[in-house]
N, C-alpha and C. Protein backbone atom coordinates (compact mmCIF):
# COMPACT_ATOMS: atom_id res chain seq x y z
N MET A 1 18.78 49.72 37.49
CA MET A 1 18.82 49.33 36.00
C MET A 1 19.26 50.57 35.27
N THR A 2 19.93 51.10 34.97
CA THR A 2 20.14 52.08 33.81
C THR A 2 18.91 51.88 32.77
N ARG A 3 18.97 53.24 32.15
CA ARG A 3 17.71 53.07 30.90
C ARG A 3 18.19 52.69 29.80
N ARG A 4 19.31 52.36 29.42
CA ARG A 4 19.89 51.37 28.31
C ARG A 4 19.81 50.31 28.70
N ALA A 5 20.15 49.28 29.73
CA ALA A 5 19.70 48.67 29.94
C ALA A 5 18.29 47.93 30.09
N LEU A 6 17.54 48.85 30.12
CA LEU A 6 16.10 48.89 30.42
C LEU A 6 15.74 48.64 29.10
N LEU A 7 16.11 49.62 28.15
CA LEU A 7 15.94 49.53 26.67
C LEU A 7 16.36 48.08 26.17
N ARG A 8 17.73 47.85 26.12
CA ARG A 8 18.08 46.28 25.87
C ARG A 8 16.85 45.28 26.08
N ALA A 9 16.58 45.41 27.41
CA ALA A 9 15.77 44.25 27.81
C ALA A 9 14.69 44.46 27.40
N LEU A 10 14.06 45.40 26.85
CA LEU A 10 12.75 45.34 26.56
C LEU A 10 12.72 45.09 24.82
N ALA A 11 13.75 45.64 24.31
CA ALA A 11 13.78 45.17 23.02
C ALA A 11 14.13 43.93 22.93
N ALA A 12 14.59 42.95 23.41
CA ALA A 12 15.13 41.57 23.71
C ALA A 12 13.61 40.98 23.65
N THR A 13 13.11 41.44 24.55
CA THR A 13 11.43 40.66 25.01
C THR A 13 11.00 40.88 23.80
N VAL A 14 10.78 41.73 23.21
CA VAL A 14 9.99 42.17 21.77
C VAL A 14 10.61 41.48 21.05
N SER A 15 11.63 41.53 20.58
CA SER A 15 12.48 40.81 19.72
C SER A 15 11.90 39.10 19.86
N LEU A 16 12.02 38.54 21.02
CA LEU A 16 11.58 37.19 21.32
C LEU A 16 10.11 36.90 21.01
N ALA A 17 9.37 37.71 21.57
CA ALA A 17 7.94 37.54 21.25
C ALA A 17 7.73 37.49 19.76
N GLY A 18 8.30 38.51 18.93
CA GLY A 18 8.18 38.63 17.68
C GLY A 18 8.85 37.07 16.76
N CYS A 19 9.87 36.28 17.40
CA CYS A 19 10.38 35.05 16.92
C CYS A 19 8.99 34.20 17.47
N LEU A 20 8.32 34.05 18.22
CA LEU A 20 7.83 33.08 19.33
C LEU A 20 6.00 33.40 18.47
N SER A 21 5.93 34.47 17.82
CA SER A 21 4.38 34.57 17.06
C SER A 21 3.88 33.41 16.03
N PRO A 22 2.80 33.11 16.13
CA PRO A 22 2.16 31.80 15.12
C PRO A 22 2.14 32.96 14.07
N THR A 23 2.26 32.02 12.56
CA THR A 23 1.91 32.38 11.68
C THR A 23 0.48 32.50 11.04
N LEU A 24 0.11 33.31 10.66
CA LEU A 24 -1.34 33.20 9.92
C LEU A 24 -1.77 32.46 9.07
N PRO A 25 -3.02 31.80 9.41
CA PRO A 25 -3.29 30.41 8.65
C PRO A 25 -3.33 30.91 6.91
N LEU A 26 -2.93 29.94 6.43
CA LEU A 26 -3.27 30.50 4.76
C LEU A 26 -4.70 30.51 4.55
N PRO A 27 -5.27 31.46 3.60
CA PRO A 27 -6.82 31.82 3.59
C PRO A 27 -7.14 30.77 2.75
N PRO A 28 -8.35 30.49 2.72
CA PRO A 28 -8.69 29.80 1.63
C PRO A 28 -9.25 30.34 0.45
N PRO A 29 -9.26 30.32 -0.57
CA PRO A 29 -9.58 31.20 -1.88
C PRO A 29 -10.95 31.56 -2.13
N GLU A 30 -11.40 32.70 -2.24
CA GLU A 30 -12.47 32.89 -2.32
C GLU A 30 -13.34 31.83 -3.35
N ALA A 31 -14.77 31.94 -3.57
CA ALA A 31 -15.78 31.12 -4.28
C ALA A 31 -15.24 31.48 -6.02
N PRO A 32 -15.17 30.88 -6.97
CA PRO A 32 -14.82 31.34 -7.90
C PRO A 32 -15.49 32.09 -8.25
N LEU A 33 -14.23 33.07 -9.75
CA LEU A 33 -14.84 34.49 -10.17
C LEU A 33 -15.81 33.80 -11.59
N GLY A 34 -15.39 32.58 -11.81
CA GLY A 34 -16.37 32.59 -12.99
C GLY A 34 -16.28 30.82 -13.05
N VAL A 35 -17.49 30.49 -13.55
CA VAL A 35 -18.17 28.92 -14.22
C VAL A 35 -18.15 28.99 -15.26
N GLU A 36 -17.73 28.18 -16.14
CA GLU A 36 -18.15 28.15 -17.45
C GLU A 36 -18.55 26.51 -17.93
N ASP A 37 -19.62 26.17 -18.62
CA ASP A 37 -19.91 25.00 -18.90
C ASP A 37 -19.39 24.97 -20.19
N THR A 38 -18.17 24.19 -20.58
CA THR A 38 -17.45 24.82 -22.29
C THR A 38 -18.04 23.60 -22.88
N GLY A 39 -19.18 22.78 -22.82
CA GLY A 39 -20.22 22.22 -24.03
C GLY A 39 -19.77 20.73 -24.45
N LYS A 40 -18.21 20.42 -24.05
CA LYS A 40 -17.20 19.37 -23.85
C LYS A 40 -17.76 18.35 -22.79
N ALA A 41 -18.24 16.87 -23.38
CA ALA A 41 -18.45 15.90 -22.98
C ALA A 41 -17.12 15.60 -22.03
N ALA A 42 -17.23 15.22 -20.62
CA ALA A 42 -16.32 14.72 -20.07
C ALA A 42 -15.35 13.62 -20.25
N SER A 43 -16.19 12.99 -21.18
CA SER A 43 -16.20 11.37 -21.54
C SER A 43 -17.06 11.04 -22.24
N GLU A 44 -16.76 9.96 -23.48
CA GLU A 44 -17.75 9.40 -24.03
C GLU A 44 -18.67 8.76 -23.42
N GLY A 45 -19.65 9.33 -23.61
CA GLY A 45 -20.95 8.44 -22.93
C GLY A 45 -21.45 8.85 -21.69
N SER A 46 -20.72 9.95 -21.30
CA SER A 46 -20.75 10.36 -19.76
C SER A 46 -21.99 11.55 -19.66
N THR A 47 -22.86 11.95 -18.78
CA THR A 47 -23.60 13.27 -18.78
C THR A 47 -23.06 13.94 -17.85
N GLU A 48 -21.81 14.26 -17.65
CA GLU A 48 -21.14 14.95 -17.18
C GLU A 48 -20.33 15.89 -18.36
N THR A 49 -20.07 17.18 -18.28
CA THR A 49 -19.28 18.06 -19.54
C THR A 49 -18.00 18.70 -18.35
N VAL A 50 -17.48 19.25 -19.52
CA VAL A 50 -16.48 20.05 -18.63
C VAL A 50 -16.64 20.94 -18.24
N TRP A 51 -16.24 21.82 -17.03
CA TRP A 51 -16.45 22.90 -16.81
C TRP A 51 -15.20 23.89 -16.15
N LEU A 52 -15.39 25.40 -16.60
CA LEU A 52 -14.25 26.00 -16.77
C LEU A 52 -13.82 26.66 -15.23
N VAL A 53 -13.54 26.68 -14.17
CA VAL A 53 -13.75 27.07 -13.08
C VAL A 53 -11.95 27.94 -13.00
N ARG A 54 -12.59 29.43 -12.69
CA ARG A 54 -11.82 30.34 -12.70
C ARG A 54 -11.74 31.02 -11.53
N GLY A 55 -10.61 31.65 -10.69
CA GLY A 55 -10.47 32.18 -9.49
C GLY A 55 -9.05 33.18 -9.06
N ALA A 56 -9.04 33.89 -7.86
CA ALA A 56 -7.85 34.03 -7.36
C ALA A 56 -7.35 33.14 -6.61
N CYS A 57 -5.82 33.22 -6.39
CA CYS A 57 -5.06 32.32 -5.10
C CYS A 57 -4.21 32.97 -5.24
N SER A 58 -3.36 32.24 -3.77
CA SER A 58 -2.25 33.12 -3.23
C SER A 58 -0.99 32.54 -4.74
N PRO A 59 -0.21 33.49 -5.17
CA PRO A 59 0.69 33.60 -6.28
C PRO A 59 1.37 32.39 -5.63
N GLY A 60 1.69 31.56 -6.66
CA GLY A 60 2.22 30.07 -6.52
C GLY A 60 1.38 28.88 -5.98
N ALA A 61 0.61 29.47 -5.76
CA ALA A 61 -0.13 28.00 -4.90
C ALA A 61 -0.52 26.98 -5.82
N LEU A 62 -0.87 25.76 -5.19
CA LEU A 62 -1.21 24.83 -5.96
C LEU A 62 -2.73 24.65 -5.91
N VAL A 63 -3.53 25.03 -6.28
CA VAL A 63 -5.09 24.85 -6.31
C VAL A 63 -5.69 23.72 -6.42
N LEU A 64 -6.89 23.03 -5.62
CA LEU A 64 -7.72 21.72 -6.12
C LEU A 64 -9.05 22.09 -5.96
N VAL A 65 -9.74 21.54 -6.76
CA VAL A 65 -11.08 21.67 -6.86
C VAL A 65 -11.66 20.16 -6.64
N GLU A 66 -12.35 19.87 -6.00
CA GLU A 66 -13.20 18.57 -5.61
C GLU A 66 -14.60 18.57 -5.86
N ASN A 67 -14.90 17.73 -6.93
CA ASN A 67 -16.16 17.52 -7.28
C ASN A 67 -17.12 16.82 -6.14
N GLU A 68 -17.46 17.36 -5.14
CA GLU A 68 -18.19 16.97 -4.03
C GLU A 68 -19.10 15.85 -4.33
N ALA A 69 -19.83 15.68 -5.42
CA ALA A 69 -20.80 14.63 -6.04
C ALA A 69 -20.11 13.47 -6.74
N THR A 70 -18.56 13.27 -7.06
CA THR A 70 -18.11 12.45 -7.40
C THR A 70 -16.71 12.18 -6.35
N GLY A 71 -16.43 13.12 -5.69
CA GLY A 71 -15.11 12.95 -5.19
C GLY A 71 -13.59 13.09 -5.81
N ARG A 72 -14.12 13.37 -7.22
CA ARG A 72 -13.09 13.49 -7.67
C ARG A 72 -12.24 15.10 -7.80
N ILE A 73 -10.74 14.97 -8.13
CA ILE A 73 -9.94 15.96 -7.37
C ILE A 73 -9.33 16.49 -9.07
N PHE A 74 -9.62 17.57 -8.87
CA PHE A 74 -8.66 18.15 -9.88
C PHE A 74 -7.99 19.37 -9.64
N GLY A 75 -6.90 19.88 -10.04
CA GLY A 75 -5.99 20.62 -9.38
C GLY A 75 -4.92 21.23 -10.70
N LEU A 76 -4.30 22.48 -10.18
CA LEU A 76 -3.51 23.20 -10.96
C LEU A 76 -2.18 23.78 -10.74
N GLU A 77 -1.40 23.68 -10.49
CA GLU A 77 -0.06 24.83 -9.91
C GLU A 77 -0.46 26.33 -10.64
N ASP A 78 0.03 27.28 -9.59
CA ASP A 78 0.01 28.93 -10.44
C ASP A 78 1.40 28.78 -10.77
N ASP A 79 1.75 28.26 -11.98
CA ASP A 79 3.26 28.42 -12.20
C ASP A 79 3.83 29.81 -12.03
N ASP A 80 2.92 30.65 -12.78
CA ASP A 80 3.36 31.95 -13.24
C ASP A 80 3.19 32.31 -12.26
N ALA A 81 2.83 32.32 -11.18
CA ALA A 81 2.78 33.00 -9.53
C ALA A 81 2.00 34.49 -9.91
N ASP A 82 0.80 34.27 -10.98
CA ASP A 82 -0.17 35.71 -10.77
C ASP A 82 -1.17 36.05 -10.07
N GLY A 83 -1.37 34.76 -9.20
CA GLY A 83 -2.22 34.53 -8.65
C GLY A 83 -3.77 34.17 -9.11
N ARG A 84 -3.74 33.57 -10.02
CA ARG A 84 -4.86 33.11 -10.67
C ARG A 84 -4.83 32.05 -11.03
N TYR A 85 -5.93 30.79 -11.27
CA TYR A 85 -6.03 29.59 -11.98
C TYR A 85 -7.53 29.44 -12.36
N SER A 86 -7.19 28.71 -13.34
CA SER A 86 -8.11 28.29 -14.14
C SER A 86 -7.85 26.86 -14.45
N ILE A 87 -8.97 25.78 -13.91
CA ILE A 87 -9.06 24.57 -13.63
C ILE A 87 -10.44 23.65 -14.66
N GLY A 88 -10.02 23.09 -15.46
CA GLY A 88 -10.96 21.88 -16.07
C GLY A 88 -11.59 20.97 -15.03
N ILE A 89 -13.23 21.13 -14.76
CA ILE A 89 -13.60 19.81 -14.02
C ILE A 89 -14.72 19.17 -14.57
N ASP A 90 -14.74 17.88 -14.40
CA ASP A 90 -15.82 17.09 -15.01
C ASP A 90 -17.38 17.22 -13.71
N ALA A 91 -18.39 17.92 -14.16
CA ALA A 91 -19.24 17.76 -13.42
C ALA A 91 -20.74 18.22 -14.18
N VAL A 92 -21.63 17.91 -13.69
CA VAL A 92 -23.20 18.15 -14.29
C VAL A 92 -23.25 19.53 -13.48
N ALA A 93 -24.62 20.05 -14.11
CA ALA A 93 -25.10 21.37 -13.53
C ALA A 93 -25.48 20.99 -12.11
N CYS A 94 -25.07 22.09 -11.36
CA CYS A 94 -25.75 22.27 -9.61
C CYS A 94 -24.95 21.18 -8.91
N ASP A 95 -24.12 20.18 -9.52
CA ASP A 95 -22.99 19.52 -8.67
C ASP A 95 -22.42 20.33 -7.55
N TYR A 96 -21.89 19.98 -6.34
CA TYR A 96 -21.54 21.18 -5.51
C TYR A 96 -20.16 20.30 -5.34
N ALA A 97 -19.31 21.52 -5.20
CA ALA A 97 -17.88 21.31 -5.57
C ALA A 97 -17.01 22.29 -4.36
N THR A 98 -15.81 22.23 -3.90
CA THR A 98 -15.30 23.06 -3.09
C THR A 98 -14.07 23.19 -3.68
N VAL A 99 -13.26 24.08 -3.49
CA VAL A 99 -11.42 24.80 -3.92
C VAL A 99 -10.95 25.12 -2.75
N TRP A 100 -9.55 24.61 -2.39
CA TRP A 100 -8.79 25.03 -1.35
C TRP A 100 -7.27 25.15 -2.13
N GLN A 101 -6.41 25.77 -1.52
CA GLN A 101 -4.91 25.87 -1.68
C GLN A 101 -3.93 25.19 -1.29
N ILE A 102 -2.75 25.01 -1.47
CA ILE A 102 -1.98 24.46 -0.42
C ILE A 102 -0.51 25.46 -1.36
N VAL A 103 0.13 25.63 -0.41
CA VAL A 103 1.43 26.76 -0.38
C VAL A 103 2.36 26.29 0.46
N GLY A 104 3.36 25.65 -0.01
CA GLY A 104 4.63 24.92 1.10
C GLY A 104 3.75 23.52 1.49
N ASP A 105 3.95 23.95 2.88
CA ASP A 105 3.25 22.62 3.30
C ASP A 105 2.17 22.92 4.04
N THR A 106 1.88 24.35 3.42
CA THR A 106 0.63 24.90 4.61
C THR A 106 -0.95 24.84 3.92
N GLN A 107 -1.82 23.91 4.30
CA GLN A 107 -3.09 24.07 3.42
C GLN A 107 -4.34 24.74 4.10
N SER A 108 -4.95 25.05 3.25
CA SER A 108 -6.02 26.07 3.75
C SER A 108 -7.11 25.72 3.97
N ALA A 109 -8.40 25.88 4.29
CA ALA A 109 -9.87 25.73 4.25
C ALA A 109 -10.30 25.49 3.05
N ARG A 110 -11.42 24.85 2.97
CA ARG A 110 -12.08 25.04 1.70
C ARG A 110 -13.31 26.19 1.44
N THR A 111 -13.48 26.37 0.55
CA THR A 111 -14.85 27.29 0.00
C THR A 111 -15.84 26.47 -1.15
N GLY A 112 -16.66 26.11 -0.27
CA GLY A 112 -17.71 25.51 -1.32
C GLY A 112 -18.41 26.80 -2.47
N PHE A 113 -19.06 26.04 -3.50
CA PHE A 113 -19.48 26.66 -4.62
C PHE A 113 -20.30 25.85 -5.22
N PHE A 114 -21.48 25.95 -6.00
CA PHE A 114 -22.02 25.01 -6.56
C PHE A 114 -21.46 25.30 -8.50
N VAL A 115 -22.05 24.23 -8.73
CA VAL A 115 -21.11 24.31 -10.50
C VAL A 115 -22.29 24.97 -11.39
N THR A 116 -22.24 26.02 -11.54
CA THR A 116 -23.56 26.45 -12.11
C THR A 116 -22.69 27.74 -12.75
N PRO A 117 -23.43 28.30 -14.23
CA PRO A 117 -22.55 29.21 -14.91
C PRO A 117 -22.85 30.66 -14.33
N THR A 118 -21.98 31.62 -14.06
CA THR A 118 -21.85 32.66 -13.05
C THR A 118 -21.71 34.06 -14.63
N GLN A 119 -22.26 35.26 -13.87
CA GLN A 119 -22.54 36.20 -14.90
C GLN A 119 -21.78 37.32 -13.95
N SER A 120 -20.53 37.89 -14.40
CA SER A 120 -20.43 39.14 -13.77
C SER A 120 -20.01 38.28 -12.19
N GLY A 121 -19.38 37.09 -12.36
CA GLY A 121 -18.44 37.05 -11.23
C GLY A 121 -19.62 35.90 -9.89
N LEU A 122 -21.30 36.40 -10.42
CA LEU A 122 -22.15 36.11 -9.48
C LEU A 122 -22.84 34.80 -10.30
N ALA A 123 -23.07 33.65 -9.30
CA ALA A 123 -23.68 32.29 -9.61
C ALA A 123 -24.86 32.37 -9.31
N ASP A 124 -25.76 31.48 -10.14
CA ASP A 124 -27.05 31.99 -9.92
C ASP A 124 -27.15 30.53 -9.37
N GLU A 125 -27.38 30.77 -8.03
CA GLU A 125 -27.58 29.68 -6.86
C GLU A 125 -28.83 29.12 -7.03
N ALA A 126 -29.67 30.15 -7.57
CA ALA A 126 -31.39 29.61 -7.17
C ALA A 126 -31.67 28.91 -8.46
N ALA A 127 -30.75 28.42 -9.50
CA ALA A 127 -31.17 27.44 -10.42
C ALA A 127 -30.66 26.08 -9.85
N CYS A 128 -29.79 26.08 -8.72
CA CYS A 128 -29.83 24.48 -8.22
C CYS A 128 -30.38 24.22 -7.02
N ALA A 129 -31.27 25.13 -6.67
CA ALA A 129 -32.47 25.27 -5.54
C ALA A 129 -33.42 24.32 -5.56
N ALA A 130 -33.82 23.85 -4.67
CA ALA A 130 -35.03 22.60 -5.29
C ALA A 130 -36.30 23.34 -5.37
N PRO A 131 -37.40 22.70 -5.58
CA PRO A 131 -38.73 23.26 -6.18
C PRO A 131 -39.44 23.70 -4.97
């Protein structure tokens, strides 16, 4: 086999392997950068308030947050593709919630967090710990 034929065969093998390599999974969003109680009642007579959950996501993703205590899911599409989301959810302090994202047909794993105010991006999870 000539050197040229060997290089072509090697190049074809490398190209073929590149086409068959699996795509990386969509990473889950990190824990929210901010969680803030707006002080607004979720609904009349409810003990829940609206909490604003903010964070980073893949540009253009559909971001979903589920309040695990109630099973309700809230979502928002990153229409401006800036890789940021801000979603209002109904919750009580210390509810556990999860956030995940969908891009195209690919769904990420979930990232969990407690619904508690954050300062400088850090949640005070001790406020939700049992005594």
